[in-house]
């Protein structure tokens, strides 16, 4: 497991975005689930709420979570830790705004 700071969490989320963007099926699924357009994705890519949405995407589907974690040599629990590190206090999963 990695030490989870907000910077580390952001790095994991950005890696997650790259992973999603590199897989047409996952990208289509992410767009369908979030309702965000590819143009909006480019604009939102660095925002905290978007990074949270990326991590929530992985947490919402175990096979995708496991595949991403394995491809980046992460423990799946690190994704959840990253989500908590980026989430403002009191934010519940699914409330990122996407």
C-alpha atoms as a PDB file:
ATOM      1  CA  UNK A   1       0.000   0.000   0.000  1.00  0.00           C
ATOM      2  CA  UNK A   2       1.069   3.553  -0.619  1.00  0.00           C
ATOM      3  CA  UNK A   3       1.106   6.458   1.814  1.00  0.00           C
ATOM      4  CA  UNK A   4      -2.016   8.444   0.961  1.00  0.00           C
ATOM      5  CA  UNK A   5      -1.603  12.186   0.762  1.00  0.00           C
ATOM      6  CA  UNK A   6      -3.863  14.432  -1.308  1.00  0.00           C
ATOM      7  CA  UNK A   7      -1.071  14.692  -3.906  1.00  0.00           C
ATOM      8  CA  UNK A   8      -0.757  10.910  -4.100  1.00  0.00           C
ATOM      9  CA  UNK A   9      -4.538  10.616  -4.362  1.00  0.00           C
ATOM     10  CA  UNK A  10      -4.575  13.108  -7.235  1.00  0.00           C
ATOM     11  CA  UNK A  11      -1.842  11.157  -9.001  1.00  0.00           C
ATOM     12  CA  UNK A  12      -3.846   7.941  -8.650  1.00  0.00           C
ATOM     13  CA  UNK A  13      -7.000   9.647  -9.964  1.00  0.00           C
ATOM     14  CA  UNK A  14      -5.132  11.102 -12.948  1.00  0.00           C
ATOM     15  CA  UNK A  15      -3.713   7.642 -13.671  1.00  0.00           C
ATOM     16  CA  UNK A  16      -7.295   6.400 -13.480  1.00  0.00           C
ATOM     17  CA  UNK A  17      -8.378   8.981 -16.046  1.00  0.00           C
ATOM     18  CA  UNK A  18      -5.581   7.870 -18.370  1.00  0.00           C
ATOM     19  CA  UNK A  19      -6.644   4.264 -17.871  1.00  0.00           C
ATOM     20  CA  UNK A  20     -10.275   5.073 -18.688  1.00  0.00           C
ATOM     21  CA  UNK A  21      -9.333   7.213 -21.685  1.00  0.00           C
ATOM     22  CA  UNK A  22      -7.169   4.400 -23.054  1.00  0.00           C
ATOM     23  CA  UNK A  23     -10.032   1.892 -23.111  1.00  0.00           C
ATOM     24  CA  UNK A  24     -12.924   2.761 -25.416  1.00  0.00           C
ATOM     25  CA  UNK A  25     -15.375   0.511 -23.553  1.00  0.00           C
ATOM     26  CA  UNK A  26     -14.500   2.002 -20.161  1.00  0.00           C
ATOM     27  CA  UNK A  27     -14.585   5.527 -21.573  1.00  0.00           C
ATOM     28  CA  UNK A  28     -18.049   4.953 -23.027  1.00  0.00           C
ATOM     29  CA  UNK A  29     -19.223   3.516 -19.711  1.00  0.00           C
ATOM     30  CA  UNK A  30     -17.753   6.437 -17.756  1.00  0.00           C
ATOM     31  CA  UNK A  31     -19.447   8.956 -20.064  1.00  0.00           C
ATOM     32  CA  UNK A  32     -22.761   7.104 -19.807  1.00  0.00           C
ATOM     33  CA  UNK A  33     -22.608   6.921 -16.002  1.00  0.00           C
ATOM     34  CA  UNK A  34     -21.482  10.483 -15.394  1.00  0.00           C
ATOM     35  CA  UNK A  35     -23.279  12.250 -18.236  1.00  0.00           C
ATOM     36  CA  UNK A  36     -20.145  14.263 -18.924  1.00  0.00           C
ATOM     37  CA  UNK A  37     -19.154  14.919 -22.525  1.00  0.00           C
ATOM     38  CA  UNK A  38     -15.591  14.453 -23.814  1.00  0.00           C
ATOM     39  CA  UNK A  39     -15.245  18.253 -24.096  1.00  0.00           C
ATOM     40  CA  UNK A  40     -16.409  18.688 -20.507  1.00  0.00           C
ATOM     41  CA  UNK A  41     -13.934  15.997 -19.441  1.00  0.00           C
ATOM     42  CA  UNK A  42     -11.045  18.016 -20.858  1.00  0.00           C
ATOM     43  CA  UNK A  43     -12.209  21.122 -18.994  1.00  0.00           C
ATOM     44  CA  UNK A  44     -12.867  19.279 -15.713  1.00  0.00           C
ATOM     45  CA  UNK A  45      -9.811  17.000 -15.750  1.00  0.00           C
ATOM     46  CA  UNK A  46      -7.948  18.836 -12.994  1.00  0.00           C
ATOM     47  CA  UNK A  47     -10.853  19.621 -10.701  1.00  0.00           C
ATOM     48  CA  UNK A  48     -11.189  17.848  -7.394  1.00  0.00           C
ATOM     49  CA  UNK A  49     -14.810  16.843  -8.007  1.00  0.00           C
ATOM     50  CA  UNK A  50     -13.876  15.233 -11.319  1.00  0.00           C
ATOM     51  CA  UNK A  51     -10.962  13.356  -9.761  1.00  0.00           C
ATOM     52  CA  UNK A  52     -13.350  12.101  -7.091  1.00  0.00           C
ATOM     53  CA  UNK A  53     -15.777  10.967  -9.810  1.00  0.00           C
ATOM     54  CA  UNK A  54     -12.990   8.969 -11.458  1.00  0.00           C
ATOM     55  CA  UNK A  55     -12.182   7.176  -8.212  1.00  0.00           C
ATOM     56  CA  UNK A  56     -15.877   6.549  -7.549  1.00  0.00           C
ATOM     57  CA  UNK A  57     -16.135   5.021 -11.025  1.00  0.00           C
ATOM     58  CA  UNK A  58     -13.565   2.400 -10.029  1.00  0.00           C
ATOM     59  CA  UNK A  59     -15.112   1.814  -6.621  1.00  0.00           C
ATOM     60  CA  UNK A  60     -18.476   1.185  -8.284  1.00  0.00           C
ATOM     61  CA  UNK A  61     -17.313  -1.798 -10.354  1.00  0.00           C
ATOM     62  CA  UNK A  62     -15.088  -4.443  -8.807  1.00  0.00           C
ATOM     63  CA  UNK A  63     -13.727  -5.951 -12.074  1.00  0.00           C
ATOM     64  CA  UNK A  64     -12.722  -2.480 -13.280  1.00  0.00           C
ATOM     65  CA  UNK A  65     -11.243  -1.647  -9.882  1.00  0.00           C
ATOM     66  CA  UNK A  66      -9.183  -4.832  -9.864  1.00  0.00           C
ATOM     67  CA  UNK A  67      -7.994  -4.382 -13.454  1.00  0.00           C
ATOM     68  CA  UNK A  68      -6.933  -0.779 -12.863  1.00  0.00           C
ATOM     69  CA  UNK A  69      -5.253  -1.637  -9.565  1.00  0.00           C
ATOM     70  CA  UNK A  70      -3.333  -4.517 -11.121  1.00  0.00           C
ATOM     71  CA  UNK A  71      -2.261  -2.431 -14.115  1.00  0.00           C
ATOM     72  CA  UNK A  72      -0.804   0.233 -11.804  1.00  0.00           C
ATOM     73  CA  UNK A  73       0.566  -2.088  -9.113  1.00  0.00           C
ATOM     74  CA  UNK A  74      -1.847  -0.708  -6.515  1.00  0.00           C
ATOM     75  CA  UNK A  75      -3.754  -2.419  -3.778  1.00  0.00           C
ATOM     76  CA  UNK A  76      -7.487  -1.928  -4.502  1.00  0.00           C
ATOM     77  CA  UNK A  77      -7.784  -0.427  -1.002  1.00  0.00           C
ATOM     78  CA  UNK A  78      -5.498   2.377  -2.186  1.00  0.00           C
ATOM     79  CA  UNK A  79      -8.249   3.564  -4.531  1.00  0.00           C
ATOM     80  CA  UNK A  80     -10.661   3.880  -1.625  1.00  0.00           C
ATOM     81  CA  UNK A  81      -8.012   5.647   0.450  1.00  0.00           C
ATOM     82  CA  UNK A  82      -7.415   8.059  -2.431  1.00  0.00           C
ATOM     83  CA  UNK A  83     -11.147   8.731  -2.636  1.00  0.00           C
ATOM     84  CA  UNK A  84     -11.277   9.568   1.072  1.00  0.00           C
ATOM     85  CA  UNK A  85      -8.144  11.730   0.801  1.00  0.00           C
ATOM     86  CA  UNK A  86      -9.767  13.874  -1.903  1.00  0.00           C
ATOM     87  CA  UNK A  87     -13.309  13.948  -0.540  1.00  0.00           C
ATOM     88  CA  UNK A  88     -14.226  16.971   1.541  1.00  0.00           C
ATOM     89  CA  UNK A  89     -15.421  16.135   5.071  1.00  0.00           C
ATOM     90  CA  UNK A  90     -19.054  15.090   5.022  1.00  0.00           C
ATOM     91  CA  UNK A  91     -19.087  14.159   1.326  1.00  0.00           C
ATOM     92  CA  UNK A  92     -20.724  10.801   0.779  1.00  0.00           C
ATOM     93  CA  UNK A  93     -19.755   8.495  -2.043  1.00  0.00           C
ATOM     94  CA  UNK A  94     -21.734   9.401  -5.132  1.00  0.00           C
ATOM     95  CA  UNK A  95     -21.973  13.089  -4.204  1.00  0.00           C
ATOM     96  CA  UNK A  96     -19.062  14.349  -6.303  1.00  0.00           C
ATOM     97  CA  UNK A  97     -21.399  16.200  -8.596  1.00  0.00           C
ATOM     98  CA  UNK A  98     -20.900  14.220 -11.791  1.00  0.00           C
END
